[in-house]
């Protein structure tokens, strides 16, 4: 799926909760582009926490 469509779906799933949509998009960008490795989220503790939670939940799925 194209990144734009994935972002659209993420926004739609947030159901008008802008803060939740923004965090979900940050996690999506991390998943697709690895932006935290170059410091894009260094000044955003909420995004870093959401990314850490996503990574923790993704690890068991990769081991199956």
N, C-alpha and C. Protein backbone atom coordinates (compact mmCIF):
# COMPACT_ATOMS: atom_id res chain seq x y z
N UNK A 1 0.85 -1.18 0.00
CA UNK A 1 0.00 0.00 0.00
C UNK A 1 0.89 1.24 0.00
N UNK A 2 0.50 2.21 -0.73
CA UNK A 2 1.25 3.46 -0.79
C UNK A 2 1.22 4.17 0.56
N UNK A 3 2.29 4.87 0.88
CA UNK A 3 2.41 5.56 2.16
C UNK A 3 1.27 6.55 2.36
N UNK A 4 0.90 7.29 1.33
CA UNK A 4 -0.19 8.27 1.46
C UNK A 4 -1.48 7.59 1.88
N UNK A 5 -1.79 6.46 1.28
CA UNK A 5 -3.01 5.73 1.64
C UNK A 5 -2.93 5.21 3.08
N UNK A 6 -1.76 4.77 3.50
CA UNK A 6 -1.62 4.30 4.88
C UNK A 6 -1.81 5.45 5.86
N UNK A 7 -1.33 6.64 5.51
CA UNK A 7 -1.54 7.81 6.36
C UNK A 7 -3.02 8.16 6.40
N UNK A 8 -3.70 8.12 5.25
CA UNK A 8 -5.14 8.39 5.22
C UNK A 8 -5.89 7.41 6.12
N UNK A 9 -5.55 6.13 6.04
CA UNK A 9 -6.21 5.13 6.88
C UNK A 9 -5.94 5.38 8.37
N UNK A 10 -4.72 5.78 8.68
CA UNK A 10 -4.36 6.07 10.07
C UNK A 10 -5.18 7.23 10.61
N UNK A 11 -5.33 8.26 9.80
CA UNK A 11 -6.14 9.42 10.21
C UNK A 11 -7.59 9.01 10.39
N UNK A 12 -8.11 8.25 9.46
CA UNK A 12 -9.50 7.80 9.54
C UNK A 12 -9.73 6.97 10.80
N UNK A 13 -8.81 6.09 11.13
CA UNK A 13 -8.93 5.23 12.30
C UNK A 13 -8.89 6.03 13.60
N UNK A 14 -8.27 7.21 13.59
CA UNK A 14 -8.17 8.03 14.80
C UNK A 14 -9.50 8.69 15.15
N UNK A 15 -10.43 8.72 14.22
CA UNK A 15 -11.78 9.25 14.46
C UNK A 15 -11.77 10.63 15.10
N UNK A 16 -11.17 11.58 14.42
CA UNK A 16 -11.15 12.99 14.81
C UNK A 16 -10.31 13.29 16.05
N UNK A 17 -9.57 12.33 16.55
CA UNK A 17 -8.66 12.58 17.67
C UNK A 17 -7.30 12.97 17.07
N UNK A 18 -7.07 14.26 16.95
CA UNK A 18 -5.87 14.75 16.26
C UNK A 18 -4.58 14.29 16.93
N UNK A 19 -4.55 14.32 18.25
CA UNK A 19 -3.34 13.92 18.96
C UNK A 19 -3.03 12.44 18.71
N UNK A 20 -4.06 11.60 18.75
CA UNK A 20 -3.88 10.18 18.50
C UNK A 20 -3.45 9.94 17.05
N UNK A 21 -4.05 10.67 16.13
CA UNK A 21 -3.68 10.54 14.71
C UNK A 21 -2.23 10.93 14.50
N UNK A 22 -1.80 12.02 15.13
CA UNK A 22 -0.42 12.47 14.98
C UNK A 22 0.56 11.42 15.50
N UNK A 23 0.27 10.85 16.67
CA UNK A 23 1.15 9.81 17.21
C UNK A 23 1.16 8.58 16.31
N UNK A 24 0.00 8.20 15.81
CA UNK A 24 -0.08 7.03 14.94
C UNK A 24 0.71 7.26 13.64
N UNK A 25 0.67 8.47 13.13
CA UNK A 25 1.43 8.79 11.91
C UNK A 25 2.93 8.75 12.21
N UNK A 26 3.34 9.25 13.37
CA UNK A 26 4.75 9.17 13.75
C UNK A 26 5.22 7.72 13.80
N UNK A 27 4.40 6.86 14.38
CA UNK A 27 4.75 5.43 14.45
C UNK A 27 4.80 4.83 13.05
N UNK A 28 3.86 5.19 12.21
CA UNK A 28 3.86 4.70 10.83
C UNK A 28 5.12 5.14 10.10
N UNK A 29 5.50 6.41 10.26
CA UNK A 29 6.72 6.91 9.61
C UNK A 29 7.96 6.21 10.16
N UNK A 30 7.95 5.91 11.44
CA UNK A 30 9.07 5.16 12.02
C UNK A 30 9.13 3.76 11.41
N UNK A 31 7.96 3.12 11.32
CA UNK A 31 7.90 1.77 10.75
C UNK A 31 8.41 1.74 9.32
N UNK A 32 8.01 2.71 8.53
CA UNK A 32 8.35 2.71 7.10
C UNK A 32 9.72 3.32 6.80
N UNK A 33 10.11 4.37 7.56
CA UNK A 33 11.30 5.14 7.20
C UNK A 33 12.39 5.16 8.26
N UNK A 34 12.09 4.67 9.47
CA UNK A 34 13.09 4.66 10.54
C UNK A 34 13.59 6.04 10.93
N UNK A 35 12.69 7.01 11.03
CA UNK A 35 13.08 8.39 11.27
C UNK A 35 13.72 8.62 12.64
N UNK A 36 13.43 7.79 13.62
CA UNK A 36 14.01 8.02 14.95
C UNK A 36 15.52 7.80 14.94
N UNK A 37 16.01 7.01 14.01
CA UNK A 37 17.45 6.75 13.93
C UNK A 37 18.24 8.00 13.58
N UNK A 38 17.58 8.97 12.96
CA UNK A 38 18.26 10.21 12.59
C UNK A 38 17.79 11.39 13.43
N UNK A 39 17.12 11.10 14.55
CA UNK A 39 16.79 12.13 15.51
C UNK A 39 15.51 12.91 15.30
N UNK A 40 14.66 12.49 14.40
CA UNK A 40 13.45 13.24 14.09
C UNK A 40 12.50 13.36 15.28
N UNK A 41 12.53 12.43 16.21
CA UNK A 41 11.60 12.44 17.33
C UNK A 41 12.29 12.70 18.67
N UNK A 42 13.54 13.11 18.64
CA UNK A 42 14.32 13.28 19.87
C UNK A 42 13.68 14.24 20.87
N UNK A 43 12.99 15.25 20.41
CA UNK A 43 12.40 16.25 21.32
C UNK A 43 10.91 15.98 21.58
N UNK A 44 10.46 14.77 21.29
CA UNK A 44 9.04 14.43 21.46
C UNK A 44 8.90 13.15 22.27
N UNK A 45 8.84 13.28 23.61
CA UNK A 45 8.78 12.07 24.44
C UNK A 45 7.54 11.22 24.19
N UNK A 46 6.41 11.83 23.84
CA UNK A 46 5.21 11.03 23.56
C UNK A 46 5.39 10.18 22.31
N UNK A 47 5.98 10.76 21.28
CA UNK A 47 6.24 9.99 20.05
C UNK A 47 7.24 8.87 20.33
N UNK A 48 8.28 9.18 21.09
CA UNK A 48 9.27 8.15 21.42
C UNK A 48 8.64 7.01 22.21
N UNK A 49 7.75 7.34 23.12
CA UNK A 49 7.06 6.30 23.90
C UNK A 49 6.17 5.45 22.99
N UNK A 50 5.43 6.10 22.09
CA UNK A 50 4.56 5.36 21.17
C UNK A 50 5.39 4.46 20.26
N UNK A 51 6.53 4.95 19.81
CA UNK A 51 7.41 4.15 18.95
C UNK A 51 7.98 2.96 19.74
N UNK A 52 8.38 3.20 20.98
CA UNK A 52 8.90 2.11 21.81
C UNK A 52 7.83 1.05 22.04
N UNK A 53 6.60 1.47 22.28
CA UNK A 53 5.50 0.51 22.46
C UNK A 53 5.24 -0.27 21.18
N UNK A 54 5.31 0.41 20.04
CA UNK A 54 5.11 -0.27 18.76
C UNK A 54 6.23 -1.30 18.55
N UNK A 55 7.47 -0.90 18.82
CA UNK A 55 8.59 -1.83 18.64
C UNK A 55 8.45 -3.04 19.56
N UNK A 56 8.03 -2.81 20.80
CA UNK A 56 7.86 -3.91 21.75
C UNK A 56 6.77 -4.87 21.29
N UNK A 57 5.72 -4.34 20.69
CA UNK A 57 4.64 -5.21 20.22
C UNK A 57 4.99 -5.88 18.90
N UNK A 58 5.89 -5.30 18.13
CA UNK A 58 6.27 -5.86 16.83
C UNK A 58 7.25 -7.02 16.98
N UNK A 59 8.05 -7.02 18.01
CA UNK A 59 9.07 -8.06 18.19
C UNK A 59 8.46 -9.45 18.31
N UNK A 60 7.44 -9.68 19.15
CA UNK A 60 6.86 -11.04 19.22
C UNK A 60 6.27 -11.50 17.89
N UNK A 61 5.72 -10.59 17.11
CA UNK A 61 5.14 -10.96 15.83
C UNK A 61 6.21 -11.42 14.86
N UNK A 62 7.40 -10.81 14.92
CA UNK A 62 8.48 -11.18 14.02
C UNK A 62 9.06 -12.54 14.37
N UNK A 63 8.98 -12.95 15.63
CA UNK A 63 9.55 -14.21 16.06
C UNK A 63 8.67 -15.40 15.74
N UNK A 64 7.40 -15.18 15.45
CA UNK A 64 6.47 -16.28 15.17
C UNK A 64 6.75 -16.94 13.85
